[in-house]
Amino acid sequence: MATESLARLRAEAAHCTACPLFRNATQTVFGEGPSNARFVLVGEQPGDQEDLSGRPFVGPAGGVLDKALADAGIDRKSVYVTNAVKHFKFEPRGKRRIHSKPNASEIKICHRWLAREMEAIAPDFVVAMGATAAQSLLGKTAPVGKMRGREIVFVEGQHGLVTVHPSYLLRIPDAESKRREYAKFVADLNLAKRLAAAAR
C-alpha cells in the first residue's frame, strides 16, 4: 500500500546522510498529505520553520500557498506537498538562519527521495514550484518563465507544469506587482487542477 510505502520512506529519509546538508539541519522534512493524492506540489527545500517543525510549507511561503490553493478551489488536505531537497540549507547571520539555494549536486542526490515519493503515490499531476523543483523533476536546469503555463512531461513520466515558488511572491515589494503575480500563481494552480481532472 502507498501509505505503508510512504511511512517506510519517511523513516528511511529521517536518517539520510547522503549529502552534507544533514549536518546543520535540525531534521529531515519529508512530504505530507494523502498517500492516494492525485495532485502533488513540489517546492524547493524546507525553510526555517519547516526545519524546526518537521513539516513542509508551514512558514510564510506555506501561508501564501494555503491562500492560493483556497482561491483556486483546491483543498490542501487533498494534495501531497513535498520538496525537492529534504534538509534546510542556510547561512547563519547572527541569530537568524538565511535560506541558501541548494546546488546541483544536492538536488541530484536528494532526488531519489522525491522519485520514490512519486512512485509510491503515482499522482495524476505534479506542480513544480520554482527552479529547484523544476530542475529535480526535469533532470536539468530550466527557466521557470519559459516552462510556465503549459503542460509538460517530467523526466520520469509524470505530467505536470512549472510555476513560481510561493516565496517569490513574498519578495515582491510593489503591492500592484505582488497582486498581479499572485493572480498568475492562482491561475497556474487552476490550470493544474483542470489538467489533473482531465488526466483521470
C-alpha atoms as a PDB file:
ATOM      1  CA  MET A   1       0.000   0.000   0.000  1.00  0.00           C
ATOM      2  CA  ALA A   2       1.114   3.559  -0.686  1.00  0.00           C
ATOM      3  CA  THR A   3       0.586   4.562   2.956  1.00  0.00           C
ATOM      4  CA  GLU A   4       2.986   1.875   4.115  1.00  0.00           C
ATOM      5  CA  SER A   5       5.481   2.817   1.411  1.00  0.00           C
ATOM      6  CA  LEU A   6       5.428   6.495   2.395  1.00  0.00           C
ATOM      7  CA  ALA A   7       5.762   5.648   6.084  1.00  0.00           C
ATOM      8  CA  ARG A   8       8.762   3.461   5.308  1.00  0.00           C
ATOM      9  CA  LEU A   9      10.300   6.137   3.079  1.00  0.00           C
ATOM     10  CA  ARG A  10       9.784   8.811   5.733  1.00  0.00           C
ATOM     11  CA  ALA A  11      11.523   6.630   8.313  1.00  0.00           C
ATOM     12  CA  GLU A  12      14.422   5.928   5.938  1.00  0.00           C
ATOM     13  CA  ALA A  13      14.796   9.576   4.953  1.00  0.00           C
ATOM     14  CA  ALA A  14      14.994  10.613   8.600  1.00  0.00           C
ATOM     15  CA  HIS A  15      18.456   9.038   8.725  1.00  0.00           C
ATOM     16  CA  CYS A  16      19.737  10.286   5.362  1.00  0.00           C
ATOM     17  CA  THR A  17      23.380  11.407   5.362  1.00  0.00           C
ATOM     18  CA  ALA A  18      23.945  11.242   1.596  1.00  0.00           C
ATOM     19  CA  CYS A  19      24.876  14.915   1.274  1.00  0.00           C
ATOM     20  CA  PRO A  20      26.385  17.405   3.758  1.00  0.00           C
ATOM     21  CA  LEU A  21      23.115  19.275   4.393  1.00  0.00           C
ATOM     22  CA  PHE A  22      22.078  16.889   7.178  1.00  0.00           C
ATOM     23  CA  ARG A  23      24.911  18.146   9.385  1.00  0.00           C
ATOM     24  CA  ASN A  24      23.409  21.557  10.127  1.00  0.00           C
ATOM     25  CA  ALA A  25      19.697  20.902   9.617  1.00  0.00           C
ATOM     26  CA  THR A  26      17.519  20.087  12.615  1.00  0.00           C
ATOM     27  CA  GLN A  27      15.859  17.170  10.859  1.00  0.00           C
ATOM     28  CA  THR A  28      14.718  15.750   7.545  1.00  0.00           C
ATOM     29  CA  VAL A  29      11.467  17.331   6.361  1.00  0.00           C
ATOM     30  CA  PHE A  30       9.588  14.740   4.338  1.00  0.00           C
ATOM     31  CA  GLY A  31       6.421  15.219   2.284  1.00  0.00           C
ATOM     32  CA  GLU A  32       2.953  15.353   3.785  1.00  0.00           C
ATOM     33  CA  GLY A  33      -0.520  14.533   2.529  1.00  0.00           C
ATOM     34  CA  PRO A  34      -2.745  11.655   1.428  1.00  0.00           C
ATOM     35  CA  SER A  35      -0.965   8.581   0.106  1.00  0.00           C
ATOM     36  CA  ASN A  36      -3.556   8.413  -2.688  1.00  0.00           C
ATOM     37  CA  ALA A  37      -3.289  12.111  -3.629  1.00  0.00           C
ATOM     38  CA  ARG A  38      -3.921  12.706  -7.313  1.00  0.00           C
ATOM     39  CA  PHE A  39      -2.151  16.048  -7.121  1.00  0.00           C
ATOM     40  CA  VAL A  40       1.396  16.681  -5.857  1.00  0.00           C
ATOM     41  CA  LEU A  41       3.053  20.045  -5.203  1.00  0.00           C
ATOM     42  CA  VAL A  42       6.864  20.127  -5.127  1.00  0.00           C
ATOM     43  CA  GLY A  43       8.797  23.051  -3.666  1.00  0.00           C
ATOM     44  CA  GLU A  44      12.498  23.738  -3.240  1.00  0.00           C
ATOM     45  CA  GLN A  45      13.553  22.869   0.310  1.00  0.00           C
ATOM     46  CA  PRO A  46      12.334  23.344   3.889  1.00  0.00           C
ATOM     47  CA  GLY A  47      12.644  26.809   5.382  1.00  0.00           C
ATOM     48  CA  ASP A  48      13.475  27.777   8.941  1.00  0.00           C
ATOM     49  CA  GLN A  49      10.043  26.992  10.394  1.00  0.00           C
ATOM     50  CA  GLU A  50       9.747  23.771   8.415  1.00  0.00           C
ATOM     51  CA  ASP A  51      13.162  22.650   9.671  1.00  0.00           C
ATOM     52  CA  LEU A  52      12.099  23.212  13.263  1.00  0.00           C
ATOM     53  CA  SER A  53       8.637  21.657  12.949  1.00  0.00           C
ATOM     54  CA  GLY A  54       9.491  18.784  10.612  1.00  0.00           C
ATOM     55  CA  ARG A  55       6.561  19.636   8.312  1.00  0.00           C
ATOM     56  CA  PRO A  56       6.602  21.138   4.790  1.00  0.00           C
ATOM     57  CA  PHE A  57       5.102  24.537   3.957  1.00  0.00           C
ATOM     58  CA  VAL A  58       4.160  25.727   7.434  1.00  0.00           C
ATOM     59  CA  GLY A  59       6.073  29.028   7.297  1.00  0.00           C
ATOM     60  CA  PRO A  60       5.293  32.291   5.449  1.00  0.00           C
ATOM     61  CA  ALA A  61       5.512  30.665   1.990  1.00  0.00           C
ATOM     62  CA  GLY A  62       3.162  27.966   3.240  1.00  0.00           C
ATOM     63  CA  GLY A  63       0.666  30.661   4.218  1.00  0.00           C
ATOM     64  CA  VAL A  64       0.773  32.068   0.681  1.00  0.00           C
ATOM     65  CA  LEU A  65       0.369  28.565  -0.739  1.00  0.00           C
ATOM     66  CA  ASP A  66      -2.616  27.811   1.500  1.00  0.00           C
ATOM     67  CA  LYS A  67      -4.377  31.008   0.418  1.00  0.00           C
ATOM     68  CA  ALA A  68      -3.636  30.402  -3.272  1.00  0.00           C
ATOM     69  CA  LEU A  69      -4.895  26.812  -3.078  1.00  0.00           C
ATOM     70  CA  ALA A  70      -8.091  28.011  -1.432  1.00  0.00           C
ATOM     71  CA  ASP A  71      -8.538  30.709  -4.090  1.00  0.00           C
ATOM     72  CA  ALA A  72      -8.059  28.047  -6.778  1.00  0.00           C
ATOM     73  CA  GLY A  73     -10.672  25.820  -5.122  1.00  0.00           C
ATOM     74  CA  ILE A  74      -8.156  23.167  -4.085  1.00  0.00           C
ATOM     75  CA  ASP A  75      -8.310  21.619  -0.620  1.00  0.00           C
ATOM     76  CA  ARG A  76      -4.769  21.442   0.746  1.00  0.00           C
ATOM     77  CA  LYS A  77      -5.734  18.338   2.698  1.00  0.00           C
ATOM     78  CA  SER A  78      -6.360  16.574  -0.619  1.00  0.00           C
ATOM     79  CA  VAL A  79      -2.896  17.255  -2.071  1.00  0.00           C
ATOM     80  CA  TYR A  80       0.548  15.928  -1.220  1.00  0.00           C
ATOM     81  CA  VAL A  81       3.156  18.634  -0.598  1.00  0.00           C
ATOM     82  CA  THR A  82       6.876  17.986  -0.562  1.00  0.00           C
ATOM     83  CA  ASN A  83      10.227  19.470  -1.507  1.00  0.00           C
ATOM     84  CA  ALA A  84      12.965  18.566  -3.971  1.00  0.00           C
ATOM     85  CA  VAL A  85      15.532  18.781  -1.154  1.00  0.00           C
ATOM     86  CA  LYS A  86      14.634  17.438   2.280  1.00  0.00           C
ATOM     87  CA  HIS A  87      17.087  19.329   4.510  1.00  0.00           C
ATOM     88  CA  PHE A  88      17.220  23.072   5.199  1.00  0.00           C
ATOM     89  CA  LYS A  89      20.276  24.731   3.640  1.00  0.00           C
ATOM     90  CA  PHE A  90      21.091  28.055   5.226  1.00  0.00           C
ATOM     91  CA  GLU A  91      23.734  30.617   6.153  1.00  0.00           C
ATOM     92  CA  PRO A  92      23.811  31.837   9.778  1.00  0.00           C
ATOM     93  CA  ARG A  93      23.571  35.595  10.210  1.00  0.00           C
ATOM     94  CA  GLY A  94      23.604  36.435  13.860  1.00  0.00           C
ATOM     95  CA  LYS A  95      20.663  34.597  15.391  1.00  0.00           C
ATOM     96  CA  ARG A  96      18.929  34.223  12.020  1.00  0.00           C
ATOM     97  CA  ARG A  97      19.270  31.393   9.525  1.00  0.00           C
ATOM     98  CA  ILE A  98      19.060  32.702   5.961  1.00  0.00           C
ATOM     99  CA  HIS A  99      17.906  30.382   3.189  1.00  0.00           C
ATOM    100  CA  SER A 100      20.625  29.285   0.740  1.00  0.00           C
ATOM    101  CA  LYS A 101      19.775  27.747  -2.631  1.00  0.00           C
ATOM    102  CA  PRO A 102      20.625  24.036  -2.999  1.00  0.00           C
ATOM    103  CA  ASN A 103      23.287  23.289  -5.598  1.00  0.00           C
ATOM    104  CA  ALA A 104      23.034  20.825  -8.490  1.00  0.00           C
ATOM    105  CA  SER A 105      24.770  18.035  -6.565  1.00  0.00           C
ATOM    106  CA  GLU A 106      22.451  18.374  -3.560  1.00  0.00           C
ATOM    107  CA  ILE A 107      19.389  18.409  -5.829  1.00  0.00           C
ATOM    108  CA  LYS A 108      20.582  15.315  -7.684  1.00  0.00           C
ATOM    109  CA  ILE A 109      21.455  13.361  -4.527  1.00  0.00           C
ATOM    110  CA  CYS A 110      18.119  14.155  -2.876  1.00  0.00           C
ATOM    111  CA  HIS A 111      16.109  13.350  -5.997  1.00  0.00           C
ATOM    112  CA  ARG A 112      15.987   9.692  -5.018  1.00  0.00           C
ATOM    113  CA  TRP A 113      13.619  10.542  -2.178  1.00  0.00           C
ATOM    114  CA  LEU A 114      11.365  12.600  -4.430  1.00  0.00           C
ATOM    115  CA  ALA A 115      11.381   9.875  -7.093  1.00  0.00           C
ATOM    116  CA  ARG A 116      10.390   7.268  -4.516  1.00  0.00           C
ATOM    117  CA  GLU A 117       7.622   9.505  -3.166  1.00  0.00           C
ATOM    118  CA  MET A 118       6.237   9.848  -6.689  1.00  0.00           C
ATOM    119  CA  GLU A 119       6.437   6.120  -7.247  1.00  0.00           C
ATOM    120  CA  ALA A 120       4.533   5.410  -4.033  1.00  0.00           C
ATOM    121  CA  ILE A 121       1.793   7.979  -4.717  1.00  0.00           C
ATOM    122  CA  ALA A 122       1.521   7.684  -8.532  1.00  0.00           C
ATOM    123  CA  PRO A 123      -0.247  11.073  -8.870  1.00  0.00           C
ATOM    124  CA  ASP A 124      -2.202  12.251 -11.889  1.00  0.00           C
ATOM    125  CA  PHE A 125      -0.430  15.603 -11.924  1.00  0.00           C
ATOM    126  CA  VAL A 126       2.624  17.281 -10.425  1.00  0.00           C
ATOM    127  CA  VAL A 127       3.280  21.015  -9.947  1.00  0.00           C
ATOM    128  CA  ALA A 128       6.928  22.065  -9.727  1.00  0.00           C
ATOM    129  CA  MET A 129       7.098  25.318  -7.766  1.00  0.00           C
ATOM    130  CA  GLY A 130      10.295  27.176  -8.549  1.00  0.00           C
ATOM    131  CA  ALA A 131      13.522  26.463 -10.417  1.00  0.00           C
ATOM    132  CA  THR A 132      14.910  23.901  -7.943  1.00  0.00           C
ATOM    133  CA  ALA A 133      11.783  21.739  -8.112  1.00  0.00           C
ATOM    134  CA  ALA A 134      11.764  22.028 -11.903  1.00  0.00           C
ATOM    135  CA  GLN A 135      15.435  21.042 -12.078  1.00  0.00           C
ATOM    136  CA  SER A 136      14.841  17.989  -9.901  1.00  0.00           C
ATOM    137  CA  LEU A 137      11.841  16.802 -11.902  1.00  0.00           C
ATOM    138  CA  LEU A 138      13.280  17.609 -15.330  1.00  0.00           C
ATOM    139  CA  GLY A 139      16.804  16.402 -14.624  1.00  0.00           C
ATOM    140  CA  LYS A 140      18.251  19.674 -15.919  1.00  0.00           C
ATOM    141  CA  THR A 141      18.099  23.396 -15.270  1.00  0.00           C
ATOM    142  CA  ALA A 142      15.008  25.059 -16.675  1.00  0.00           C
ATOM    143  CA  PRO A 143      13.968  28.736 -16.604  1.00  0.00           C
ATOM    144  CA  VAL A 144      10.586  28.928 -14.903  1.00  0.00           C
ATOM    145  CA  GLY A 145       9.411  31.714 -17.218  1.00  0.00           C
ATOM    146  CA  LYS A 146       9.950  29.618 -20.348  1.00  0.00           C
ATOM    147  CA  MET A 147       8.299  26.492 -18.931  1.00  0.00           C
ATOM    148  CA  ARG A 148       5.385  28.175 -17.191  1.00  0.00           C
ATOM    149  CA  GLY A 149       1.765  27.999 -18.301  1.00  0.00           C
ATOM    150  CA  ARG A 150       1.741  24.730 -20.239  1.00  0.00           C
ATOM    151  CA  GLU A 151       1.572  21.034 -19.561  1.00  0.00           C
ATOM    152  CA  ILE A 152       4.871  19.189 -19.693  1.00  0.00           C
ATOM    153  CA  VAL A 153       6.086  15.660 -19.034  1.00  0.00           C
ATOM    154  CA  PHE A 154       8.819  15.312 -16.425  1.00  0.00           C
ATOM    155  CA  VAL A 155      11.782  13.013 -16.868  1.00  0.00           C
ATOM    156  CA  GLU A 156      10.186  10.078 -15.026  1.00  0.00           C
ATOM    157  CA  GLY A 157       6.912  10.329 -16.923  1.00  0.00           C
ATOM    158  CA  GLN A 158       4.723  12.404 -14.618  1.00  0.00           C
ATOM    159  CA  HIS A 159       2.521  15.006 -16.268  1.00  0.00           C
ATOM    160  CA  GLY A 160       2.698  18.429 -14.710  1.00  0.00           C
ATOM    161  CA  LEU A 161       3.536  22.081 -15.005  1.00  0.00           C
ATOM    162  CA  VAL A 162       6.065  24.570 -13.685  1.00  0.00           C
ATOM    163  CA  THR A 163       5.175  27.703 -11.759  1.00  0.00           C
ATOM    164  CA  VAL A 164       6.858  30.077  -9.312  1.00  0.00           C
ATOM    165  CA  HIS A 165       7.590  29.206  -5.718  1.00  0.00           C
ATOM    166  CA  PRO A 166       5.238  30.995  -3.287  1.00  0.00           C
ATOM    167  CA  SER A 167       8.256  32.535  -1.537  1.00  0.00           C
ATOM    168  CA  TYR A 168       8.841  34.538  -4.726  1.00  0.00           C
ATOM    169  CA  LEU A 169       5.555  36.338  -4.089  1.00  0.00           C
ATOM    170  CA  LEU A 170       6.722  37.318  -0.604  1.00  0.00           C
ATOM    171  CA  ARG A 171       9.777  39.051  -2.031  1.00  0.00           C
ATOM    172  CA  ILE A 172       7.898  41.381  -4.409  1.00  0.00           C
ATOM    173  CA  PRO A 173       7.991  44.863  -2.820  1.00  0.00           C
ATOM    174  CA  ASP A 174       5.437  46.614  -5.025  1.00  0.00           C
ATOM    175  CA  ALA A 175       1.817  45.960  -3.986  1.00  0.00           C
ATOM    176  CA  GLU A 176       0.384  46.068  -7.511  1.00  0.00           C
ATOM    177  CA  SER A 177       3.063  43.746  -8.882  1.00  0.00           C
ATOM    178  CA  LYS A 178       2.510  41.399  -5.963  1.00  0.00           C
ATOM    179  CA  ARG A 179      -1.246  41.328  -6.631  1.00  0.00           C
ATOM    180  CA  ARG A 180      -0.674  40.626 -10.329  1.00  0.00           C
ATOM    181  CA  GLU A 181       1.872  37.867  -9.722  1.00  0.00           C
ATOM    182  CA  TYR A 182      -0.296  36.261  -7.064  1.00  0.00           C
ATOM    183  CA  ALA A 183      -3.205  36.146  -9.538  1.00  0.00           C
ATOM    184  CA  LYS A 184      -0.925  34.428 -12.072  1.00  0.00           C
ATOM    185  CA  PHE A 185       0.084  31.872  -9.448  1.00  0.00           C
ATOM    186  CA  VAL A 186      -3.563  31.115  -8.666  1.00  0.00           C
ATOM    187  CA  ALA A 187      -4.241  30.817 -12.421  1.00  0.00           C
ATOM    188  CA  ASP A 188      -1.421  28.254 -12.671  1.00  0.00           C
ATOM    189  CA  LEU A 189      -2.977  26.234  -9.857  1.00  0.00           C
ATOM    190  CA  ASN A 190      -6.360  26.423 -11.562  1.00  0.00           C
ATOM    191  CA  LEU A 191      -4.793  25.163 -14.790  1.00  0.00           C
ATOM    192  CA  ALA A 192      -3.129  22.329 -12.897  1.00  0.00           C
ATOM    193  CA  LYS A 193      -6.467  21.405 -11.315  1.00  0.00           C
ATOM    194  CA  ARG A 194      -8.149  21.232 -14.724  1.00  0.00           C
ATOM    195  CA  LEU A 195      -5.338  19.203 -16.265  1.00  0.00           C
ATOM    196  CA  ALA A 196      -5.270  16.820 -13.309  1.00  0.00           C
ATOM    197  CA  ALA A 197      -9.019  16.248 -13.635  1.00  0.00           C
ATOM    198  CA  ALA A 198      -8.619  15.591 -17.362  1.00  0.00           C
ATOM    199  CA  ALA A 199      -5.872  13.051 -16.693  1.00  0.00           C
ATOM    200  CA  ARG A 200      -8.102  10.736 -14.677  1.00  0.00           C
END
